[in-house]
Structure formats: structure tokens, C-alpha cells
């Protein structure tokens, strides 16, 4: 079995990779973890060509972004067990924009309801396409915000679902402060209070 963490950008794929590695999985990752301000522990990308990596990944954990996995033509006899990370589309678009240095005013202009809906539909399409792959033995969607708010429940759910992890160690790998810039904290606080984030 090949174990996959997938999803769109800024949905917590790197965080999930780190947590599963802490929980006991061996992963195929680049020696250069790609550490950044936004991902201080790294992005845990697979090294080199994704086809070559997956061809030798039986028994290993690999990160494959959602668009790549949805469009991957080759099938794998050992089968794929997939965690697909999801996140509120507006949140992920804002996070990606902040990472790119986009101003709040530009975020308001660029991230319209239409853009958010398009992102939501794209992710639904990717999940459906991946689920329908003949080599996918199992797919479970995990919400980014559930990992942050209730890590124990989230990883216990994965354990029950057949992911052989040490739940306590996976929980310890959730570093909440990495996931929330001051701007993001402010936006989430306003959102909880029923105020539109703009």
C-alpha cells in the first residue's frame, strides 16, 4: 500500500505529513524540506518526479498535491490509501494570498464569492476523480480546522479508519502557532463574532 497525503495549497498537507511521520510513518521526502516562514518545519514534498517516487513508494507515505493526483494517469498495483485535506475555500485562498504578500485591500478585491465557489467546485471535482481511481483503496477527507481545534479526535478518527499511527505522538506534532499569523487570528476572531472577514 502507498500512503498519500493530498489536497490543495494551504489546506494543511504539510502539517498532516509532519503529524503522520511523528505518528510512525516512514515518508519519501526531499532532503531539502523547503522550510519557509509559512512552513517552518518544511513542506515535505516528494523528491524528483512524482511518478518515479510513487513507483518505489510501497509501504511509504508520500505527499501528492490534489491536482497532480487527480491528473495522474498511471495506476499502482499496490494501491493507494489517501488522506485528502480540505479547508474552507475562502480561508485557503486568503492564506495563500497572505503568503504571496497580497494586501488586505487586494484580497478583498480578488477573492470574490465567485472565486470561492470555483475553488470549492474544483476541490470537489478533484476528490471525486481521485476516489474513482481504480488503485485507490480508501480515501478519507480531513478538515484542516478539525486538526487545529481537535487534534486528538482527528487522529483517533484516522486510527479507527485504518491509519496505523501513534495518536498521542501525532497530536504533539500539531504546532498551532505555525498555522495562524496575527492577521489570520484577527480574521478568524472577526469571523467567529459573525463579522465578515473583510
N, C-alpha and C. Protein backbone atom coordinates (compact mmCIF):
# COMPACT_ATOMS: atom_id res chain seq x y z
N UNK A 1 0.84 -1.19 0.00
CA UNK A 1 0.00 0.00 0.00
C UNK A 1 0.88 1.25 0.00
N UNK A 2 0.49 2.23 -0.80
CA UNK A 2 1.15 3.54 -0.80
C UNK A 2 0.24 4.50 -0.04
N UNK A 3 0.80 5.20 0.91
CA UNK A 3 0.02 6.10 1.77
C UNK A 3 0.21 7.53 1.27
N UNK A 4 -0.90 8.20 0.98
CA UNK A 4 -0.87 9.50 0.32
C UNK A 4 -1.52 10.57 1.20
N UNK A 5 -0.85 11.72 1.31
CA UNK A 5 -1.49 12.93 1.82
C UNK A 5 -1.66 13.87 0.63
N UNK A 6 -2.90 14.29 0.38
CA UNK A 6 -3.18 15.13 -0.77
C UNK A 6 -4.07 16.30 -0.36
N UNK A 7 -4.29 17.21 -1.31
CA UNK A 7 -5.12 18.38 -1.06
C UNK A 7 -4.58 19.57 -1.83
N UNK A 8 -5.30 20.66 -1.76
CA UNK A 8 -4.86 21.89 -2.44
C UNK A 8 -3.85 22.63 -1.57
N UNK A 9 -3.28 23.71 -2.13
CA UNK A 9 -2.34 24.53 -1.38
C UNK A 9 -3.04 25.14 -0.18
N UNK A 10 -2.30 25.27 0.93
CA UNK A 10 -2.76 25.91 2.16
C UNK A 10 -3.96 25.21 2.80
N UNK A 11 -3.99 23.88 2.68
CA UNK A 11 -5.04 23.12 3.34
C UNK A 11 -4.50 22.24 4.47
N UNK A 12 -3.20 22.36 4.75
CA UNK A 12 -2.62 21.61 5.85
C UNK A 12 -1.96 20.31 5.46
N UNK A 13 -1.61 20.16 4.18
CA UNK A 13 -0.96 18.92 3.73
C UNK A 13 0.40 18.74 4.41
N UNK A 14 1.17 19.83 4.54
CA UNK A 14 2.49 19.73 5.17
C UNK A 14 2.35 19.38 6.65
N UNK A 15 1.39 20.01 7.31
CA UNK A 15 1.13 19.71 8.72
C UNK A 15 0.76 18.25 8.90
N UNK A 16 -0.12 17.74 8.04
CA UNK A 16 -0.54 16.35 8.15
C UNK A 16 0.64 15.40 7.91
N UNK A 17 1.49 15.72 6.94
CA UNK A 17 2.68 14.90 6.70
C UNK A 17 3.53 14.82 7.97
N UNK A 18 3.81 15.97 8.56
CA UNK A 18 4.61 16.02 9.78
C UNK A 18 3.98 15.18 10.88
N UNK A 19 2.66 15.30 11.06
CA UNK A 19 1.97 14.58 12.11
C UNK A 19 2.01 13.06 11.90
N UNK A 20 1.85 12.63 10.66
CA UNK A 20 1.88 11.19 10.37
C UNK A 20 3.29 10.62 10.53
N UNK A 21 4.29 11.42 10.18
CA UNK A 21 5.68 10.99 10.39
C UNK A 21 5.95 10.84 11.88
N UNK A 22 5.51 11.81 12.68
CA UNK A 22 5.64 11.72 14.14
C UNK A 22 4.88 10.50 14.65
N UNK A 23 3.77 10.20 13.99
CA UNK A 23 2.93 9.09 14.43
C UNK A 23 3.44 7.73 14.03
N UNK A 24 4.52 7.68 13.24
CA UNK A 24 5.15 6.39 12.96
C UNK A 24 5.35 6.03 11.51
N UNK A 25 4.88 6.86 10.57
CA UNK A 25 5.03 6.52 9.16
C UNK A 25 6.39 6.94 8.62
N UNK A 26 6.94 6.10 7.76
CA UNK A 26 8.15 6.45 7.00
C UNK A 26 7.72 7.15 5.73
N UNK A 27 8.34 8.27 5.43
CA UNK A 27 7.93 9.07 4.28
C UNK A 27 9.06 9.25 3.29
N UNK A 28 8.68 9.35 2.02
CA UNK A 28 9.64 9.71 0.98
C UNK A 28 9.54 11.22 0.80
N UNK A 29 10.55 11.92 1.30
CA UNK A 29 10.56 13.38 1.23
C UNK A 29 11.92 13.87 0.77
N UNK A 30 11.93 15.04 0.18
CA UNK A 30 13.17 15.65 -0.28
C UNK A 30 14.04 16.00 0.92
N UNK A 31 15.36 15.87 0.76
CA UNK A 31 16.29 16.26 1.83
C UNK A 31 16.15 17.74 2.13
N UNK A 32 15.86 18.53 1.10
CA UNK A 32 15.58 19.94 1.28
C UNK A 32 14.08 20.07 1.56
N UNK A 33 13.74 20.23 2.82
CA UNK A 33 12.33 20.22 3.21
C UNK A 33 11.57 21.46 2.76
N UNK A 34 12.28 22.46 2.24
CA UNK A 34 11.60 23.66 1.77
C UNK A 34 11.05 24.50 2.91
N UNK A 35 11.83 24.65 4.00
CA UNK A 35 11.36 25.42 5.15
C UNK A 35 11.19 26.89 4.77
N UNK A 36 10.06 27.45 5.19
CA UNK A 36 9.77 28.85 4.93
C UNK A 36 9.14 29.47 6.17
N UNK A 37 8.92 30.76 6.12
CA UNK A 37 8.21 31.46 7.20
C UNK A 37 6.84 30.85 7.43
N UNK A 38 6.22 30.41 6.35
CA UNK A 38 4.85 29.89 6.43
C UNK A 38 4.81 28.41 6.74
N UNK A 39 5.90 27.71 6.47
CA UNK A 39 6.02 26.29 6.81
C UNK A 39 7.38 26.06 7.45
N UNK A 40 7.53 26.47 8.72
CA UNK A 40 8.84 26.42 9.39
C UNK A 40 9.44 25.02 9.48
N UNK A 41 8.60 23.99 9.47
CA UNK A 41 9.12 22.63 9.54
C UNK A 41 9.35 22.02 8.16
N UNK A 42 8.94 22.75 7.12
CA UNK A 42 9.11 22.24 5.76
C UNK A 42 7.79 21.90 5.11
N UNK A 43 7.85 21.64 3.81
CA UNK A 43 6.63 21.31 3.07
C UNK A 43 6.50 19.81 2.77
N UNK A 44 7.57 19.05 3.07
CA UNK A 44 7.53 17.59 2.99
C UNK A 44 7.16 17.08 1.60
N UNK A 45 7.64 17.77 0.58
CA UNK A 45 7.40 17.34 -0.81
C UNK A 45 8.21 16.10 -1.14
N UNK A 46 7.69 15.29 -2.03
CA UNK A 46 8.41 14.11 -2.51
C UNK A 46 9.56 14.55 -3.41
N UNK A 47 10.66 13.80 -3.41
CA UNK A 47 11.80 14.17 -4.25
C UNK A 47 11.58 13.81 -5.71
N UNK A 48 12.03 14.67 -6.61
CA UNK A 48 12.05 14.35 -8.03
C UNK A 48 10.69 14.15 -8.67
N UNK A 49 10.69 13.33 -9.71
CA UNK A 49 9.48 13.05 -10.48
C UNK A 49 8.49 12.24 -9.65
N UNK A 50 7.24 12.70 -9.58
CA UNK A 50 6.26 12.05 -8.71
C UNK A 50 5.95 10.62 -9.17
N UNK A 51 5.97 10.37 -10.46
CA UNK A 51 5.73 9.02 -10.97
C UNK A 51 6.82 8.06 -10.50
N UNK A 52 8.08 8.51 -10.59
CA UNK A 52 9.20 7.69 -10.15
C UNK A 52 9.11 7.45 -8.65
N UNK A 53 8.77 8.50 -7.91
CA UNK A 53 8.67 8.37 -6.45
C UNK A 53 7.60 7.37 -6.06
N UNK A 54 6.41 7.47 -6.66
CA UNK A 54 5.31 6.57 -6.31
C UNK A 54 5.61 5.13 -6.74
N UNK A 55 6.37 4.97 -7.80
CA UNK A 55 6.70 3.63 -8.28
C UNK A 55 7.54 2.85 -7.27
N UNK A 56 8.21 3.55 -6.37
CA UNK A 56 9.04 2.89 -5.36
C UNK A 56 8.54 3.19 -3.94
N UNK A 57 7.26 3.56 -3.84
CA UNK A 57 6.75 4.06 -2.56
C UNK A 57 5.91 3.05 -1.78
N UNK A 58 5.89 1.78 -2.19
CA UNK A 58 5.08 0.80 -1.47
C UNK A 58 5.50 0.76 0.01
N UNK A 59 4.54 0.99 0.89
CA UNK A 59 4.82 0.99 2.32
C UNK A 59 5.21 2.35 2.88
N UNK A 60 5.34 3.35 2.00
CA UNK A 60 5.78 4.68 2.43
C UNK A 60 4.65 5.70 2.33
N UNK A 61 4.87 6.80 3.02
CA UNK A 61 3.98 7.95 2.98
C UNK A 61 4.54 8.97 1.99
N UNK A 62 3.66 9.51 1.14
CA UNK A 62 4.09 10.47 0.11
C UNK A 62 3.06 11.59 0.03
N UNK A 63 3.55 12.80 -0.12
CA UNK A 63 2.66 13.95 -0.35
C UNK A 63 2.51 14.18 -1.84
N UNK A 64 1.26 14.20 -2.31
CA UNK A 64 0.97 14.47 -3.72
C UNK A 64 -0.17 15.49 -3.76
N UNK A 65 0.09 16.66 -4.31
CA UNK A 65 -0.94 17.70 -4.34
C UNK A 65 -2.16 17.22 -5.13
N UNK A 66 -3.32 17.75 -4.76
CA UNK A 66 -4.58 17.27 -5.31
C UNK A 66 -4.68 17.29 -6.81
N UNK A 67 -4.23 18.39 -7.43
CA UNK A 67 -4.31 18.48 -8.89
C UNK A 67 -3.43 17.43 -9.57
N UNK A 68 -2.27 17.15 -8.98
CA UNK A 68 -1.37 16.15 -9.56
C UNK A 68 -1.95 14.75 -9.42
N UNK A 69 -2.51 14.45 -8.26
CA UNK A 69 -3.06 13.12 -8.04
C UNK A 69 -4.30 12.90 -8.91
N UNK A 70 -5.12 13.92 -9.07
CA UNK A 70 -6.32 13.81 -9.90
C UNK A 70 -5.98 13.58 -11.36
N UNK A 71 -4.84 14.11 -11.80
CA UNK A 71 -4.46 14.01 -13.21
C UNK A 71 -3.41 12.94 -13.48
N UNK A 72 -3.08 12.16 -12.47
CA UNK A 72 -2.08 11.11 -12.64
C UNK A 72 -2.68 9.96 -13.45
N UNK A 73 -2.07 9.63 -14.57
CA UNK A 73 -2.65 8.63 -15.47
C UNK A 73 -2.27 7.20 -15.10
N UNK A 74 -1.09 7.03 -14.52
CA UNK A 74 -0.58 5.70 -14.23
C UNK A 74 -1.22 5.13 -12.98
N UNK A 75 -1.54 3.83 -12.98
CA UNK A 75 -2.10 3.17 -11.81
C UNK A 75 -1.03 2.38 -11.06
N UNK A 76 -1.27 2.14 -9.77
CA UNK A 76 -0.29 1.46 -8.93
C UNK A 76 -0.91 0.21 -8.31
N UNK A 77 -0.31 -0.95 -8.62
CA UNK A 77 -0.88 -2.23 -8.19
C UNK A 77 -0.96 -2.37 -6.68
N UNK A 78 -0.02 -1.76 -5.98
CA UNK A 78 -0.01 -1.89 -4.52
C UNK A 78 -1.16 -1.14 -3.87
N UNK A 79 -1.78 -0.23 -4.62
CA UNK A 79 -2.94 0.50 -4.12
C UNK A 79 -2.56 1.76 -3.37
N UNK A 80 -3.52 2.70 -3.32
CA UNK A 80 -3.32 3.98 -2.65
C UNK A 80 -4.32 4.13 -1.51
N UNK A 81 -3.82 4.54 -0.37
CA UNK A 81 -4.67 4.89 0.77
C UNK A 81 -4.47 6.39 0.99
N UNK A 82 -5.55 7.17 0.86
CA UNK A 82 -5.42 8.62 0.72
C UNK A 82 -6.10 9.38 1.86
N UNK A 83 -5.36 10.34 2.40
CA UNK A 83 -5.96 11.39 3.23
C UNK A 83 -6.02 12.63 2.35
N UNK A 84 -7.21 13.15 2.14
CA UNK A 84 -7.36 14.37 1.35
C UNK A 84 -7.73 15.52 2.28
N UNK A 85 -6.82 16.48 2.39
CA UNK A 85 -7.02 17.62 3.28
C UNK A 85 -7.96 18.64 2.63
N UNK A 86 -8.94 19.08 3.41
CA UNK A 86 -9.86 20.10 2.93
C UNK A 86 -9.84 21.29 3.90
N UNK A 87 -10.25 22.42 3.41
CA UNK A 87 -10.30 23.62 4.23
C UNK A 87 -11.30 24.58 3.60
N UNK A 88 -11.96 25.37 4.43
CA UNK A 88 -12.83 26.40 3.91
C UNK A 88 -12.12 27.13 2.77
N UNK A 89 -12.75 27.18 1.60
CA UNK A 89 -12.10 27.70 0.40
C UNK A 89 -11.64 29.14 0.57
N UNK A 90 -12.45 29.94 1.23
CA UNK A 90 -12.06 31.33 1.43
C UNK A 90 -10.83 31.43 2.33
N UNK A 91 -10.80 30.61 3.37
CA UNK A 91 -9.64 30.59 4.26
C UNK A 91 -8.36 30.25 3.51
N UNK A 92 -8.42 29.20 2.70
CA UNK A 92 -7.22 28.76 1.99
C UNK A 92 -6.76 29.79 0.97
N UNK A 93 -7.72 30.45 0.31
CA UNK A 93 -7.37 31.49 -0.66
C UNK A 93 -6.74 32.70 0.05
N UNK A 94 -7.28 33.07 1.20
CA UNK A 94 -6.71 34.18 1.98
C UNK A 94 -5.30 33.82 2.45
N UNK A 95 -5.14 32.61 2.97
CA UNK A 95 -3.84 32.17 3.45
C UNK A 95 -2.80 32.20 2.33
N UNK A 96 -3.20 31.71 1.16
CA UNK A 96 -2.28 31.70 0.02
C UNK A 96 -1.94 33.12 -0.40
N UNK A 97 -2.91 34.02 -0.36
CA UNK A 97 -2.68 35.41 -0.74
C UNK A 97 -1.76 36.12 0.25
N UNK A 98 -1.98 35.89 1.55
CA UNK A 98 -1.10 36.48 2.56
C UNK A 98 0.33 35.99 2.39
N UNK A 99 0.48 34.71 2.09
CA UNK A 99 1.80 34.13 1.89
C UNK A 99 2.50 34.80 0.70
N UNK A 100 1.70 35.17 -0.30
CA UNK A 100 2.26 35.81 -1.50
C UNK A 100 2.46 37.32 -1.33
N UNK A 101 2.11 37.84 -0.15
CA UNK A 101 2.32 39.25 0.12
C UNK A 101 1.23 40.17 -0.40
N UNK A 102 0.06 39.60 -0.66
CA UNK A 102 -1.05 40.41 -1.17
C UNK A 102 -1.66 41.22 -0.02
N UNK A 103 -1.97 42.48 -0.27
CA UNK A 103 -2.53 43.36 0.76
C UNK A 103 -3.98 42.99 1.06
N UNK A 104 -4.46 43.45 2.21
CA UNK A 104 -5.84 43.18 2.59
C UNK A 104 -6.83 43.74 1.57
N UNK A 105 -6.54 44.93 1.06
CA UNK A 105 -7.43 45.54 0.06
C UNK A 105 -7.49 44.70 -1.22
N UNK A 106 -6.32 44.19 -1.62
CA UNK A 106 -6.27 43.35 -2.82
C UNK A 106 -6.98 42.03 -2.59
N UNK A 107 -6.83 41.48 -1.38
CA UNK A 107 -7.52 40.23 -1.04
C UNK A 107 -9.03 40.42 -1.18
N UNK A 108 -9.51 41.55 -0.67
CA UNK A 108 -10.95 41.84 -0.76
C UNK A 108 -11.41 41.92 -2.20
N UNK A 109 -10.56 42.51 -3.05
CA UNK A 109 -10.93 42.68 -4.45
C UNK A 109 -10.86 41.35 -5.22
N UNK A 110 -9.84 40.56 -4.92
CA UNK A 110 -9.56 39.36 -5.71
C UNK A 110 -10.40 38.15 -5.29
N UNK A 111 -10.62 38.00 -3.99
CA UNK A 111 -11.30 36.79 -3.51
C UNK A 111 -12.80 37.06 -3.41
N UNK A 112 -13.44 36.98 -4.52
CA UNK A 112 -14.90 37.20 -4.60
C UNK A 112 -15.64 35.90 -4.29
N UNK A 113 -16.94 36.01 -4.11
CA UNK A 113 -17.76 34.81 -3.88
C UNK A 113 -17.65 33.85 -5.06
N UNK A 114 -17.54 34.40 -6.27
CA UNK A 114 -17.41 33.56 -7.47
C UNK A 114 -16.10 32.77 -7.45
N UNK A 115 -15.03 33.42 -7.03
CA UNK A 115 -13.71 32.76 -6.95
C UNK A 115 -13.75 31.65 -5.90
N UNK A 116 -14.38 31.94 -4.78
CA UNK A 116 -14.51 30.94 -3.71
C UNK A 116 -15.30 29.73 -4.19
N UNK A 117 -16.42 29.98 -4.88
CA UNK A 117 -17.25 28.89 -5.39
C UNK A 117 -16.48 28.05 -6.40
N UNK A 118 -15.71 28.71 -7.25
CA UNK A 118 -14.90 27.98 -8.24
C UNK A 118 -13.89 27.08 -7.54
N UNK A 119 -13.28 27.59 -6.47
CA UNK A 119 -12.31 26.80 -5.70
C UNK A 119 -12.99 25.60 -5.05
N UNK A 120 -14.16 25.82 -4.48
CA UNK A 120 -14.91 24.73 -3.85
C UNK A 120 -15.25 23.64 -4.85
N UNK A 121 -15.71 24.04 -6.02
CA UNK A 121 -16.09 23.07 -7.06
C UNK A 121 -14.88 22.33 -7.59
N UNK A 122 -13.77 23.03 -7.69
CA UNK A 122 -12.53 22.38 -8.14
C UNK A 122 -12.11 21.28 -7.17
N UNK A 123 -12.18 21.57 -5.87
CA UNK A 123 -11.79 20.57 -4.88
C UNK A 123 -12.74 19.38 -4.88
N UNK A 124 -14.03 19.63 -5.02
CA UNK A 124 -15.00 18.54 -5.11
C UNK A 124 -14.71 17.65 -6.31
N UNK A 125 -14.34 18.29 -7.41
CA UNK A 125 -14.01 17.55 -8.63
C UNK A 125 -12.77 16.69 -8.43
N UNK A 126 -11.74 17.26 -7.79
CA UNK A 126 -10.52 16.50 -7.53
C UNK A 126 -10.81 15.29 -6.64
N UNK A 127 -11.59 15.49 -5.59
CA UNK A 127 -11.90 14.40 -4.66
C UNK A 127 -12.67 13.29 -5.38
N UNK A 128 -13.63 13.68 -6.21
CA UNK A 128 -14.41 12.69 -6.96
C UNK A 128 -13.52 11.91 -7.92
N UNK A 129 -12.66 12.63 -8.64
CA UNK A 129 -11.77 11.98 -9.61
C UNK A 129 -10.82 11.01 -8.91
N UNK A 130 -10.24 11.44 -7.79
CA UNK A 130 -9.30 10.59 -7.06
C UNK A 130 -10.03 9.37 -6.48
N UNK A 131 -11.22 9.59 -5.93
CA UNK A 131 -12.00 8.47 -5.36
C UNK A 131 -12.31 7.41 -6.40
N UNK A 132 -12.48 7.84 -7.65
CA UNK A 132 -12.84 6.92 -8.72
C UNK A 132 -11.66 6.20 -9.36
N UNK A 133 -10.44 6.54 -8.93
CA UNK A 133 -9.27 5.82 -9.45
C UNK A 133 -9.36 4.35 -9.03
N UNK A 134 -9.01 3.45 -9.94
CA UNK A 134 -9.09 2.02 -9.64
C UNK A 134 -8.10 1.59 -8.57
N UNK A 135 -6.99 2.34 -8.44
CA UNK A 135 -5.97 1.93 -7.46
C UNK A 135 -6.18 2.55 -6.08
N UNK A 136 -7.20 3.40 -5.94
CA UNK A 136 -7.47 3.99 -4.62
C UNK A 136 -8.32 3.01 -3.81
N UNK A 137 -7.71 2.47 -2.77
CA UNK A 137 -8.41 1.51 -1.91
C UNK A 137 -9.27 2.21 -0.85
N UNK A 138 -8.85 3.42 -0.49
CA UNK A 138 -9.58 4.14 0.55
C UNK A 138 -9.22 5.62 0.47
N UNK A 139 -10.22 6.49 0.69
CA UNK A 139 -9.98 7.93 0.76
C UNK A 139 -10.80 8.50 1.89
N UNK A 140 -10.15 9.27 2.75
CA UNK A 140 -10.84 9.96 3.83
C UNK A 140 -10.48 11.44 3.75
N UNK A 141 -11.49 12.30 3.86
CA UNK A 141 -11.26 13.74 3.87
C UNK A 141 -11.12 14.22 5.31
N UNK A 142 -10.10 15.04 5.55
CA UNK A 142 -9.85 15.60 6.88
C UNK A 142 -9.83 17.11 6.77
N UNK A 143 -10.60 17.78 7.61
CA UNK A 143 -10.67 19.23 7.59
C UNK A 143 -9.52 19.84 8.39
N UNK A 144 -8.84 20.77 7.78
CA UNK A 144 -7.74 21.50 8.41
C UNK A 144 -8.13 22.04 9.78
N UNK A 145 -9.30 22.65 9.87
CA UNK A 145 -9.73 23.28 11.11
C UNK A 145 -10.01 22.25 12.20
N UNK A 146 -10.39 21.03 11.83
CA UNK A 146 -10.57 19.97 12.82
C UNK A 146 -9.23 19.55 13.41
N UNK A 147 -8.20 19.52 12.58
CA UNK A 147 -6.87 19.16 13.08
C UNK A 147 -6.40 20.19 14.11
N UNK A 148 -6.63 21.46 13.80
CA UNK A 148 -6.21 22.54 14.69
C UNK A 148 -7.04 22.54 15.98
N UNK A 149 -8.35 22.43 15.86
CA UNK A 149 -9.23 22.57 17.01
C UNK A 149 -9.30 21.30 17.86
N UNK A 150 -9.32 20.13 17.20
CA UNK A 150 -9.49 18.86 17.92
C UNK A 150 -8.52 17.80 17.39
N UNK A 151 -7.22 18.00 17.60
CA UNK A 151 -6.24 17.06 17.02
C UNK A 151 -6.41 15.63 17.52
N UNK A 152 -6.70 15.45 18.81
CA UNK A 152 -6.84 14.07 19.32
C UNK A 152 -7.98 13.35 18.62
N UNK A 153 -9.14 14.01 18.53
CA UNK A 153 -10.30 13.38 17.87
C UNK A 153 -10.00 13.08 16.40
N UNK A 154 -9.28 14.01 15.75
CA UNK A 154 -8.97 13.83 14.33
C UNK A 154 -8.06 12.63 14.11
N UNK A 155 -6.99 12.52 14.89
CA UNK A 155 -6.06 11.41 14.67
C UNK A 155 -6.61 10.09 15.20
N UNK A 156 -7.47 10.16 16.19
CA UNK A 156 -8.14 8.94 16.64
C UNK A 156 -9.09 8.43 15.54
N UNK A 157 -9.73 9.37 14.84
CA UNK A 157 -10.59 9.02 13.71
C UNK A 157 -9.79 8.31 12.63
N UNK A 158 -8.59 8.84 12.35
CA UNK A 158 -7.72 8.20 11.36
C UNK A 158 -7.29 6.81 11.82
N UNK A 159 -6.98 6.68 13.10
CA UNK A 159 -6.58 5.38 13.66
C UNK A 159 -7.71 4.36 13.46
N UNK A 160 -8.92 4.76 13.78
CA UNK A 160 -10.09 3.88 13.62
C UNK A 160 -10.29 3.54 12.14
N UNK A 161 -9.94 4.49 11.26
CA UNK A 161 -10.13 4.32 9.83
C UNK A 161 -9.02 3.49 9.18
N UNK A 162 -8.09 2.98 9.98
CA UNK A 162 -7.07 2.08 9.45
C UNK A 162 -5.69 2.68 9.26
N UNK A 163 -5.50 3.91 9.71
CA UNK A 163 -4.17 4.51 9.66
C UNK A 163 -3.44 4.13 10.94
N UNK A 164 -2.36 3.37 10.78
CA UNK A 164 -1.65 2.80 11.92
C UNK A 164 -0.70 3.84 12.52
N UNK A 165 -1.25 4.71 13.36
CA UNK A 165 -0.46 5.80 13.93
C UNK A 165 -0.50 5.76 15.45
N UNK A 166 0.54 6.34 16.04
CA UNK A 166 0.55 6.62 17.47
C UNK A 166 -0.16 7.96 17.64
N UNK A 167 -1.40 7.93 18.09
CA UNK A 167 -2.23 9.13 18.14
C UNK A 167 -1.59 10.23 18.98
N UNK A 168 -1.08 9.88 20.13
CA UNK A 168 -0.50 10.89 21.02
C UNK A 168 0.68 11.61 20.38
N UNK A 169 1.53 10.84 19.69
CA UNK A 169 2.68 11.47 19.03
C UNK A 169 2.25 12.35 17.87
N UNK A 170 1.23 11.92 17.13
CA UNK A 170 0.72 12.75 16.04
C UNK A 170 0.16 14.07 16.57
N UNK A 171 -0.56 13.99 17.68
CA UNK A 171 -1.13 15.20 18.29
C UNK A 171 -0.04 16.17 18.69
N UNK A 172 1.06 15.65 19.24
CA UNK A 172 2.16 16.51 19.68
C UNK A 172 2.80 17.28 18.52
N UNK A 173 2.64 16.77 17.31
CA UNK A 173 3.26 17.41 16.14
C UNK A 173 2.45 18.57 15.59
N UNK A 174 1.23 18.77 16.10
CA UNK A 174 0.40 19.90 15.65
C UNK A 174 0.92 21.17 16.33
N UNK A 175 1.52 22.04 15.56
CA UNK A 175 2.07 23.29 16.09
C UNK A 175 1.14 24.42 15.67
N UNK A 176 0.21 24.76 16.53
CA UNK A 176 -0.87 25.68 16.16
C UNK A 176 -0.37 27.06 15.77
N UNK A 177 0.69 27.52 16.44
CA UNK A 177 1.15 28.87 16.14
C UNK A 177 1.71 29.00 14.73
N UNK A 178 2.12 27.90 14.12
CA UNK A 178 2.59 27.96 12.73
C UNK A 178 1.44 28.25 11.78
N UNK A 179 0.25 27.92 12.21
CA UNK A 179 -0.91 27.96 11.31
C UNK A 179 -1.67 29.27 11.38
N UNK A 180 -1.27 30.17 12.25
CA UNK A 180 -2.05 31.38 12.45
C UNK A 180 -1.16 32.60 12.57
N UNK A 181 -1.07 33.37 11.51
CA UNK A 181 -0.41 34.66 11.60
C UNK A 181 -1.32 35.59 12.38
N UNK A 182 -0.79 36.74 12.80
CA UNK A 182 -1.61 37.70 13.55
C UNK A 182 -2.80 38.15 12.72
N UNK A 183 -2.58 38.36 11.41
CA UNK A 183 -3.68 38.77 10.54
C UNK A 183 -4.75 37.68 10.48
N UNK A 184 -4.29 36.44 10.40
CA UNK A 184 -5.23 35.34 10.29
C UNK A 184 -6.02 35.18 11.59
N UNK A 185 -5.33 35.34 12.74
CA UNK A 185 -6.01 35.27 14.03
C UNK A 185 -7.12 36.32 14.10
N UNK A 186 -6.78 37.53 13.64
CA UNK A 186 -7.75 38.62 13.68
C UNK A 186 -8.95 38.29 12.79
N UNK A 187 -8.68 37.77 11.59
CA UNK A 187 -9.75 37.42 10.66
C UNK A 187 -10.65 36.34 11.25
N UNK A 188 -10.04 35.33 11.86
CA UNK A 188 -10.83 34.24 12.43
C UNK A 188 -11.66 34.72 13.62
N UNK A 189 -11.10 35.63 14.44
CA UNK A 189 -11.84 36.17 15.58
C UNK A 189 -13.07 36.94 15.09
N UNK A 190 -12.88 37.74 14.05
CA UNK A 190 -13.99 38.51 13.50
C UNK A 190 -15.02 37.57 12.88
N UNK A 191 -14.54 36.50 12.25
CA UNK A 191 -15.46 35.53 11.64
C UNK A 191 -16.32 34.85 12.70
N UNK A 192 -15.69 34.49 13.84
CA UNK A 192 -16.42 33.84 14.93
C UNK A 192 -17.48 34.78 15.51
N UNK A 193 -17.19 36.06 15.47
CA UNK A 193 -18.12 37.04 16.01
C UNK A 193 -19.21 37.43 15.00
N UNK A 194 -19.22 36.74 13.87
CA UNK A 194 -20.25 36.95 12.87
C UNK A 194 -19.99 38.16 11.98
N UNK A 195 -18.75 38.64 11.98
CA UNK A 195 -18.40 39.80 11.15
C UNK A 195 -17.70 39.29 9.90
N UNK A 196 -18.09 39.77 8.74
CA UNK A 196 -17.44 39.35 7.50
C UNK A 196 -15.96 39.68 7.57
N UNK A 197 -15.12 38.78 7.11
CA UNK A 197 -13.68 38.92 7.35
C UNK A 197 -13.07 40.12 6.66
N UNK A 198 -13.76 40.72 5.71
CA UNK A 198 -13.22 41.91 5.08
C UNK A 198 -13.60 43.14 5.89
